Amino acid sequence: MTETSIRANLTRIQERIAAAAARSGRRPEDITLIGVSKTHPAIAIQEAYQAGVRHFGENRVQEWEVKRVGTNNLAATWHLIGHLQSNKAAKAAKLFHTVDSLDDVAVAQKLDRARRETGAQGKLRVLIEMRVAQEETKSGVEIAAVPELAEKISVLPQLDLAGLMCIPPYLLEAEQVRPYFRRLRELRDDLKTKLGLPMLVLSMGMSHDFEVAIEEGATEVRVGTALFGTRAALPAKH
């Protein structure tokens, strides 16, 4: 995909974000677009940055560790949006500005410890990933366990628990996904009251359903295919 194509795609996405924001009585500038750059090369990230994207999401710590060499000149915010394994927590704390897929207190403690040991300035932003549907292939914490996990993470001194994230089922009709987005917003609102934390962030919505997510309160949307085009196939694991 060329820089011209990415720029044109970004314009269309921004128009869709603005329209969805208007329908929900919100401002488009209050919604952050995260370009999901997983499996796309560093040059594509460079092109998206030149077009105006400032937030990027990667799924794998190892993949980002390699690609970041080609993006060191960019003043962007790097999000880990894929499942974080415990043995990768220390690396993730150094490589990312925000971990948006936290679902385990032991991993949270490792992030907190790694952040302290590196002497990094400021706290590491984290989001709790909530499993909004019973899908074995999806990571995330069960709904009933979210309050306890949130309470434990909120007291870790090097972490800033900023909100919630979810990946709902892929349904052909975006409108069918609305109940999942609404549930995440309602749970976030309950947590704000119980924990006394701002919990401003709702990361939900992808290329095919982000408009509905915005209507239900999304503050961050994760868009890959609509921005970069179809992703390259991941290499087989050996």
C-alpha atoms as a PDB file:
ATOM      1  CA  MET A   1       0.000   0.000   0.000  1.00  0.00           C
ATOM      2  CA  THR A   2       1.322   3.425  -0.965  1.00  0.00           C
ATOM      3  CA  GLU A   3       1.496   6.517   1.208  1.00  0.00           C
ATOM      4  CA  THR A   4      -1.185   8.074  -1.039  1.00  0.00           C
ATOM      5  CA  SER A   5      -3.502   5.127  -0.345  1.00  0.00           C
ATOM      6  CA  ILE A   6      -2.913   5.277   3.400  1.00  0.00           C
ATOM      7  CA  ARG A   7      -3.553   9.021   3.392  1.00  0.00           C
ATOM      8  CA  ALA A   8      -6.800   8.544   1.444  1.00  0.00           C
ATOM      9  CA  ASN A   9      -7.883   5.747   3.788  1.00  0.00           C
ATOM     10  CA  LEU A  10      -7.137   7.935   6.799  1.00  0.00           C
ATOM     11  CA  THR A  11      -9.285  10.728   5.392  1.00  0.00           C
ATOM     12  CA  ARG A  12     -12.224   8.338   4.995  1.00  0.00           C
ATOM     13  CA  ILE A  13     -11.753   6.970   8.502  1.00  0.00           C
ATOM     14  CA  GLN A  14     -11.631  10.472   9.972  1.00  0.00           C
ATOM     15  CA  GLU A  15     -14.856  11.339   8.165  1.00  0.00           C
ATOM     16  CA  ARG A  16     -16.529   8.234   9.598  1.00  0.00           C
ATOM     17  CA  ILE A  17     -15.253   9.046  13.083  1.00  0.00           C
ATOM     18  CA  ALA A  18     -16.573  12.606  12.813  1.00  0.00           C
ATOM     19  CA  ALA A  19     -20.000  11.414  11.652  1.00  0.00           C
ATOM     20  CA  ALA A  20     -20.273   8.837  14.449  1.00  0.00           C
ATOM     21  CA  ALA A  21     -19.133  11.404  17.015  1.00  0.00           C
ATOM     22  CA  ALA A  22     -21.757  13.862  15.781  1.00  0.00           C
ATOM     23  CA  ARG A  23     -24.499  11.234  16.097  1.00  0.00           C
ATOM     24  CA  SER A  24     -23.548  10.681  19.732  1.00  0.00           C
ATOM     25  CA  GLY A  25     -23.158  14.361  20.593  1.00  0.00           C
ATOM     26  CA  ARG A  26     -19.387  14.148  20.922  1.00  0.00           C
ATOM     27  CA  ARG A  27     -16.355  15.808  19.346  1.00  0.00           C
ATOM     28  CA  PRO A  28     -14.190  13.823  16.915  1.00  0.00           C
ATOM     29  CA  GLU A  29     -11.034  15.126  18.597  1.00  0.00           C
ATOM     30  CA  ASP A  30     -12.087  13.288  21.766  1.00  0.00           C
ATOM     31  CA  ILE A  31     -11.637   9.944  19.976  1.00  0.00           C
ATOM     32  CA  THR A  32      -8.133   8.555  19.448  1.00  0.00           C
ATOM     33  CA  LEU A  33      -7.425   6.533  16.328  1.00  0.00           C
ATOM     34  CA  ILE A  34      -4.953   3.704  16.901  1.00  0.00           C
ATOM     35  CA  GLY A  35      -3.486   2.409  13.665  1.00  0.00           C
ATOM     36  CA  VAL A  36      -3.162  -1.353  14.093  1.00  0.00           C
ATOM     37  CA  SER A  37       0.187  -1.944  12.456  1.00  0.00           C
ATOM     38  CA  LYS A  38       0.715  -5.585  13.398  1.00  0.00           C
ATOM     39  CA  THR A  39       2.270  -7.596  10.522  1.00  0.00           C
ATOM     40  CA  HIS A  40       2.755  -4.390   8.506  1.00  0.00           C
ATOM     41  CA  PRO A  41       6.347  -3.240   7.875  1.00  0.00           C
ATOM     42  CA  ALA A  42       7.992  -0.227   9.456  1.00  0.00           C
ATOM     43  CA  ILE A  43       7.710   1.674   6.167  1.00  0.00           C
ATOM     44  CA  ALA A  44       3.902   1.460   6.362  1.00  0.00           C
ATOM     45  CA  ILE A  45       4.046   2.911   9.877  1.00  0.00           C
ATOM     46  CA  GLN A  46       6.255   5.719   8.579  1.00  0.00           C
ATOM     47  CA  GLU A  47       3.718   6.454   5.823  1.00  0.00           C
ATOM     48  CA  ALA A  48       0.778   6.449   8.240  1.00  0.00           C
ATOM     49  CA  TYR A  49       2.695   8.791  10.547  1.00  0.00           C
ATOM     50  CA  GLN A  50       3.356  11.182   7.669  1.00  0.00           C
ATOM     51  CA  ALA A  51      -0.381  11.088   6.915  1.00  0.00           C
ATOM     52  CA  GLY A  52      -1.170  12.122  10.486  1.00  0.00           C
ATOM     53  CA  VAL A  53      -1.548   8.962  12.623  1.00  0.00           C
ATOM     54  CA  ARG A  54       0.125   9.294  16.029  1.00  0.00           C
ATOM     55  CA  HIS A  55      -0.927   6.112  17.837  1.00  0.00           C
ATOM     56  CA  PHE A  56      -0.019   2.592  16.718  1.00  0.00           C
ATOM     57  CA  GLY A  57      -0.992  -0.831  18.022  1.00  0.00           C
ATOM     58  CA  GLU A  58       1.138  -3.960  17.913  1.00  0.00           C
ATOM     59  CA  ASN A  59       0.175  -7.496  18.913  1.00  0.00           C
ATOM     60  CA  ARG A  60       3.502  -9.141  19.640  1.00  0.00           C
ATOM     61  CA  VAL A  61       6.377  -7.946  21.767  1.00  0.00           C
ATOM     62  CA  GLN A  62       8.899  -9.772  19.557  1.00  0.00           C
ATOM     63  CA  GLU A  63       7.561  -8.316  16.317  1.00  0.00           C
ATOM     64  CA  TRP A  64       7.631  -4.777  17.660  1.00  0.00           C
ATOM     65  CA  GLU A  65      11.138  -5.235  19.048  1.00  0.00           C
ATOM     66  CA  VAL A  66      12.342  -5.825  15.474  1.00  0.00           C
ATOM     67  CA  LYS A  67      10.209  -3.197  13.721  1.00  0.00           C
ATOM     68  CA  ARG A  68      10.902  -0.353  16.145  1.00  0.00           C
ATOM     69  CA  VAL A  69      14.386   0.060  14.677  1.00  0.00           C
ATOM     70  CA  GLY A  70      12.733   1.489  11.564  1.00  0.00           C
ATOM     71  CA  THR A  71      10.491   3.861  13.510  1.00  0.00           C
ATOM     72  CA  ASN A  72      12.809   5.353  16.134  1.00  0.00           C
ATOM     73  CA  ASN A  73      12.487   8.775  14.533  1.00  0.00           C
ATOM     74  CA  LEU A  74       8.730   8.957  15.111  1.00  0.00           C
ATOM     75  CA  ALA A  75       7.215  10.808  18.070  1.00  0.00           C
ATOM     76  CA  ALA A  76       4.363   8.309  18.278  1.00  0.00           C
ATOM     77  CA  THR A  77       2.604   6.447  21.082  1.00  0.00           C
ATOM     78  CA  TRP A  78       3.063   2.678  20.933  1.00  0.00           C
ATOM     79  CA  HIS A  79       0.272   0.441  22.242  1.00  0.00           C
ATOM     80  CA  LEU A  80       0.538  -3.268  23.002  1.00  0.00           C
ATOM     81  CA  ILE A  81      -2.914  -4.555  22.059  1.00  0.00           C
ATOM     82  CA  GLY A  82      -2.195  -8.300  21.914  1.00  0.00           C
ATOM     83  CA  HIS A  83      -2.194 -10.766  24.788  1.00  0.00           C
ATOM     84  CA  LEU A  84       0.838 -10.278  27.034  1.00  0.00           C
ATOM     85  CA  GLN A  85       2.562 -13.381  28.325  1.00  0.00           C
ATOM     86  CA  SER A  86       4.160 -13.229  31.740  1.00  0.00           C
ATOM     87  CA  ASN A  87       7.665 -13.895  30.403  1.00  0.00           C
ATOM     88  CA  LYS A  88       7.389 -10.894  28.047  1.00  0.00           C
ATOM     89  CA  ALA A  89       6.172  -8.409  30.677  1.00  0.00           C
ATOM     90  CA  ALA A  90       9.574  -6.895  31.469  1.00  0.00           C
ATOM     91  CA  LYS A  91      10.293  -6.261  27.791  1.00  0.00           C
ATOM     92  CA  ALA A  92       6.828  -4.820  27.210  1.00  0.00           C
ATOM     93  CA  ALA A  93       7.320  -2.347  30.050  1.00  0.00           C
ATOM     94  CA  LYS A  94      10.358  -0.965  28.216  1.00  0.00           C
ATOM     95  CA  LEU A  95       9.087  -1.090  24.628  1.00  0.00           C
ATOM     96  CA  PHE A  96       5.551   0.293  24.905  1.00  0.00           C
ATOM     97  CA  HIS A  97       3.969   3.470  26.222  1.00  0.00           C
ATOM     98  CA  THR A  98       0.761   1.634  27.092  1.00  0.00           C
ATOM     99  CA  VAL A  99      -0.331  -1.973  27.579  1.00  0.00           C
ATOM    100  CA  ASP A 100      -3.964  -2.157  26.508  1.00  0.00           C
ATOM    101  CA  SER A 101      -4.542  -5.880  27.048  1.00  0.00           C
ATOM    102  CA  LEU A 102      -3.840  -6.559  30.718  1.00  0.00           C
ATOM    103  CA  ASP A 103      -5.858  -9.444  32.156  1.00  0.00           C
ATOM    104  CA  ASP A 104      -3.765 -10.907  34.964  1.00  0.00           C
ATOM    105  CA  VAL A 105      -2.575  -9.511  38.291  1.00  0.00           C
ATOM    106  CA  ALA A 106       0.738 -11.397  38.180  1.00  0.00           C
ATOM    107  CA  VAL A 107       1.559  -9.824  34.810  1.00  0.00           C
ATOM    108  CA  ALA A 108       0.553  -6.436  36.197  1.00  0.00           C
ATOM    109  CA  GLN A 109       2.949  -6.904  39.103  1.00  0.00           C
ATOM    110  CA  LYS A 110       5.773  -7.792  36.694  1.00  0.00           C
ATOM    111  CA  LEU A 111       5.069  -4.671  34.635  1.00  0.00           C
ATOM    112  CA  ASP A 112       5.103  -2.590  37.805  1.00  0.00           C
ATOM    113  CA  ARG A 113       8.394  -4.091  38.963  1.00  0.00           C
ATOM    114  CA  ALA A 114      10.034  -3.750  35.535  1.00  0.00           C
ATOM    115  CA  ARG A 115       8.945  -0.143  35.276  1.00  0.00           C
ATOM    116  CA  ARG A 116      10.473   0.623  38.660  1.00  0.00           C
ATOM    117  CA  GLU A 117      13.735  -1.168  37.851  1.00  0.00           C
ATOM    118  CA  THR A 118      14.226   0.682  34.562  1.00  0.00           C
ATOM    119  CA  GLY A 119      13.762   4.047  36.280  1.00  0.00           C
ATOM    120  CA  ALA A 120      11.357   5.179  33.547  1.00  0.00           C
ATOM    121  CA  GLN A 121       9.768   8.584  33.931  1.00  0.00           C
ATOM    122  CA  GLY A 122       6.078   8.519  34.804  1.00  0.00           C
ATOM    123  CA  LYS A 123       3.686   5.613  35.137  1.00  0.00           C
ATOM    124  CA  LEU A 124       2.956   2.990  32.496  1.00  0.00           C
ATOM    125  CA  ARG A 125      -0.609   3.323  31.255  1.00  0.00           C
ATOM    126  CA  VAL A 126      -2.585   0.089  31.268  1.00  0.00           C
ATOM    127  CA  LEU A 127      -6.073  -1.003  30.263  1.00  0.00           C
ATOM    128  CA  ILE A 128      -7.843  -4.121  31.470  1.00  0.00           C
ATOM    129  CA  GLU A 129      -8.983  -6.342  28.629  1.00  0.00           C
ATOM    130  CA  MET A 130     -12.412  -7.724  29.382  1.00  0.00           C
ATOM    131  CA  ARG A 131     -13.807 -10.865  27.767  1.00  0.00           C
ATOM    132  CA  VAL A 132     -17.277  -9.781  26.719  1.00  0.00           C
ATOM    133  CA  ALA A 133     -18.224 -13.101  25.054  1.00  0.00           C
ATOM    134  CA  GLN A 134     -17.390 -16.733  25.725  1.00  0.00           C
ATOM    135  CA  GLU A 135     -14.923 -17.325  22.915  1.00  0.00           C
ATOM    136  CA  GLU A 136     -12.060 -19.704  23.621  1.00  0.00           C
ATOM    137  CA  THR A 137      -9.784 -17.926  21.149  1.00  0.00           C
ATOM    138  CA  LYS A 138     -10.117 -14.583  22.912  1.00  0.00           C
ATOM    139  CA  SER A 139      -8.061 -13.475  25.874  1.00  0.00           C
ATOM    140  CA  GLY A 140      -9.330 -11.158  28.570  1.00  0.00           C
ATOM    141  CA  VAL A 141     -10.634 -11.366  32.104  1.00  0.00           C
ATOM    142  CA  GLU A 142     -14.134 -12.627  32.844  1.00  0.00           C
ATOM    143  CA  ILE A 143     -16.674  -9.918  33.604  1.00  0.00           C
ATOM    144  CA  ALA A 144     -17.229 -11.090  37.193  1.00  0.00           C
ATOM    145  CA  ALA A 145     -13.493 -10.893  37.937  1.00  0.00           C
ATOM    146  CA  VAL A 146     -12.923  -7.381  36.579  1.00  0.00           C
ATOM    147  CA  PRO A 147     -13.674  -5.417  39.787  1.00  0.00           C
ATOM    148  CA  GLU A 148     -11.205  -7.427  41.903  1.00  0.00           C
ATOM    149  CA  LEU A 149      -8.490  -7.228  39.227  1.00  0.00           C
ATOM    150  CA  ALA A 150      -9.037  -3.493  38.792  1.00  0.00           C
ATOM    151  CA  GLU A 151      -8.727  -2.929  42.534  1.00  0.00           C
ATOM    152  CA  LYS A 152      -5.425  -4.839  42.694  1.00  0.00           C
ATOM    153  CA  ILE A 153      -3.941  -3.059  39.681  1.00  0.00           C
ATOM    154  CA  SER A 154      -5.027   0.370  40.903  1.00  0.00           C
ATOM    155  CA  VAL A 155      -2.703   0.198  43.923  1.00  0.00           C
ATOM    156  CA  LEU A 156       0.435  -0.664  41.927  1.00  0.00           C
ATOM    157  CA  PRO A 157       2.529   2.524  42.084  1.00  0.00           C
ATOM    158  CA  GLN A 158       4.124   2.333  38.629  1.00  0.00           C
ATOM    159  CA  LEU A 159       0.915   1.628  36.705  1.00  0.00           C
ATOM    160  CA  ASP A 160      -1.855   4.002  35.664  1.00  0.00           C
ATOM    161  CA  LEU A 161      -5.118   2.089  35.260  1.00  0.00           C
ATOM    162  CA  ALA A 162      -6.805   4.271  32.662  1.00  0.00           C
ATOM    163  CA  GLY A 163      -9.786   2.197  31.540  1.00  0.00           C
ATOM    164  CA  LEU A 164     -11.025  -0.923  29.774  1.00  0.00           C
ATOM    165  CA  MET A 165     -10.588  -2.648  26.425  1.00  0.00           C
ATOM    166  CA  CYS A 166     -12.521  -5.391  24.661  1.00  0.00           C
ATOM    167  CA  ILE A 167     -12.532  -7.403  21.448  1.00  0.00           C
ATOM    168  CA  PRO A 168     -16.131  -8.501  20.831  1.00  0.00           C
ATOM    169  CA  PRO A 169     -17.151 -11.336  18.503  1.00  0.00           C
ATOM    170  CA  TYR A 170     -16.799 -10.627  14.792  1.00  0.00           C
ATOM    171  CA  LEU A 171     -20.344 -10.269  13.506  1.00  0.00           C
ATOM    172  CA  LEU A 172     -21.260  -9.356   9.947  1.00  0.00           C
ATOM    173  CA  GLU A 173     -23.736  -6.711  11.072  1.00  0.00           C
ATOM    174  CA  ALA A 174     -21.968  -4.062  13.153  1.00  0.00           C
ATOM    175  CA  GLU A 175     -25.237  -3.250  14.903  1.00  0.00           C
ATOM    176  CA  GLN A 176     -25.210  -6.726  16.462  1.00  0.00           C
ATOM    177  CA  VAL A 177     -22.006  -5.813  18.305  1.00  0.00           C
ATOM    178  CA  ARG A 178     -23.598  -2.834  20.058  1.00  0.00           C
ATOM    179  CA  PRO A 179     -24.638  -4.746  23.242  1.00  0.00           C
ATOM    180  CA  TYR A 180     -21.012  -5.766  23.869  1.00  0.00           C
ATOM    181  CA  PHE A 181     -19.784  -2.178  23.609  1.00  0.00           C
ATOM    182  CA  ARG A 182     -22.608  -0.982  25.836  1.00  0.00           C
ATOM    183  CA  ARG A 183     -21.747  -3.620  28.441  1.00  0.00           C
ATOM    184  CA  LEU A 184     -18.128  -2.477  28.552  1.00  0.00           C
ATOM    185  CA  ARG A 185     -19.180   1.139  29.037  1.00  0.00           C
ATOM    186  CA  GLU A 186     -21.591   0.217  31.831  1.00  0.00           C
ATOM    187  CA  LEU A 187     -18.943  -1.827  33.626  1.00  0.00           C
ATOM    188  CA  ARG A 188     -16.447   1.018  33.291  1.00  0.00           C
ATOM    189  CA  ASP A 189     -18.967   3.422  34.791  1.00  0.00           C
ATOM    190  CA  ASP A 190     -19.533   1.058  37.736  1.00  0.00           C
ATOM    191  CA  LEU A 191     -15.792   0.771  38.345  1.00  0.00           C
ATOM    192  CA  LYS A 192     -15.343   4.532  38.299  1.00  0.00           C
ATOM    193  CA  THR A 193     -17.857   4.795  41.123  1.00  0.00           C
ATOM    194  CA  LYS A 194     -16.518   1.878  43.167  1.00  0.00           C
ATOM    195  CA  LEU A 195     -12.802   2.661  42.851  1.00  0.00           C
ATOM    196  CA  GLY A 196     -12.947   6.430  42.682  1.00  0.00           C
ATOM    197  CA  LEU A 197     -10.682   6.432  39.606  1.00  0.00           C
ATOM    198  CA  PRO A 198     -11.184   8.529  36.460  1.00  0.00           C
ATOM    199  CA  MET A 199     -11.152   5.423  34.176  1.00  0.00           C
ATOM    200  CA  LEU A 200     -11.623   7.676  31.146  1.00  0.00           C
ATOM    201  CA  VAL A 201     -10.557   5.239  28.439  1.00  0.00           C
ATOM    202  CA  LEU A 202     -12.780   2.822  26.526  1.00  0.00           C
ATOM    203  CA  SER A 203     -10.780   1.088  23.803  1.00  0.00           C
ATOM    204  CA  MET A 204     -13.290  -0.694  21.597  1.00  0.00           C
ATOM    205  CA  GLY A 205     -14.204  -0.889  17.943  1.00  0.00           C
ATOM    206  CA  MET A 206     -12.236  -1.997  14.901  1.00  0.00           C
ATOM    207  CA  SER A 207     -12.391  -1.443  11.136  1.00  0.00           C
ATOM    208  CA  HIS A 208     -15.879  -2.862  10.580  1.00  0.00           C
ATOM    209  CA  ASP A 209     -17.645  -1.692  13.750  1.00  0.00           C
ATOM    210  CA  PHE A 210     -15.849   1.363  15.176  1.00  0.00           C
ATOM    211  CA  GLU A 211     -18.729   3.729  14.367  1.00  0.00           C
ATOM    212  CA  VAL A 212     -21.093   1.762  16.618  1.00  0.00           C
ATOM    213  CA  ALA A 213     -18.378   1.679  19.295  1.00  0.00           C
ATOM    214  CA  ILE A 214     -18.075   5.464  19.149  1.00  0.00           C
ATOM    215  CA  GLU A 215     -21.835   5.825  19.495  1.00  0.00           C
ATOM    216  CA  GLU A 216     -21.573   3.691  22.649  1.00  0.00           C
ATOM    217  CA  GLY A 217     -18.776   5.770  24.162  1.00  0.00           C
ATOM    218  CA  ALA A 218     -15.468   4.548  22.727  1.00  0.00           C
ATOM    219  CA  THR A 219     -12.606   6.964  23.362  1.00  0.00           C
ATOM    220  CA  GLU A 220     -10.099   4.897  21.357  1.00  0.00           C
ATOM    221  CA  VAL A 221     -10.713   2.822  18.230  1.00  0.00           C
ATOM    222  CA  ARG A 222      -8.257   0.299  16.818  1.00  0.00           C
ATOM    223  CA  VAL A 223      -8.268   0.358  13.017  1.00  0.00           C
ATOM    224  CA  GLY A 224      -5.997  -1.830  10.914  1.00  0.00           C
ATOM    225  CA  THR A 225      -7.438  -3.096   7.623  1.00  0.00           C
ATOM    226  CA  ALA A 226      -9.352   0.103   6.841  1.00  0.00           C
ATOM    227  CA  LEU A 227      -6.123   2.073   7.209  1.00  0.00           C
ATOM    228  CA  PHE A 228      -3.310  -0.197   6.016  1.00  0.00           C
ATOM    229  CA  GLY A 229      -5.203  -2.662   3.825  1.00  0.00           C
ATOM    230  CA  THR A 230      -5.254  -6.437   4.208  1.00  0.00           C
ATOM    231  CA  ARG A 231      -2.588  -7.711   6.561  1.00  0.00           C
ATOM    232  CA  ALA A 232       0.121 -10.069   5.428  1.00  0.00           C
ATOM    233  CA  ALA A 233      -0.181 -13.628   6.716  1.00  0.00           C
ATOM    234  CA  LEU A 234       1.747 -14.325   9.897  1.00  0.00           C
ATOM    235  CA  PRO A 235       4.657 -16.750   9.522  1.00  0.00           C
ATOM    236  CA  ALA A 236       4.013 -20.272  10.742  1.00  0.00           C
ATOM    237  CA  LYS A 237       5.291 -21.106  14.221  1.00  0.00           C
ATOM    238  CA  HIS A 238       7.901 -23.854  14.499  1.00  0.00           C
END
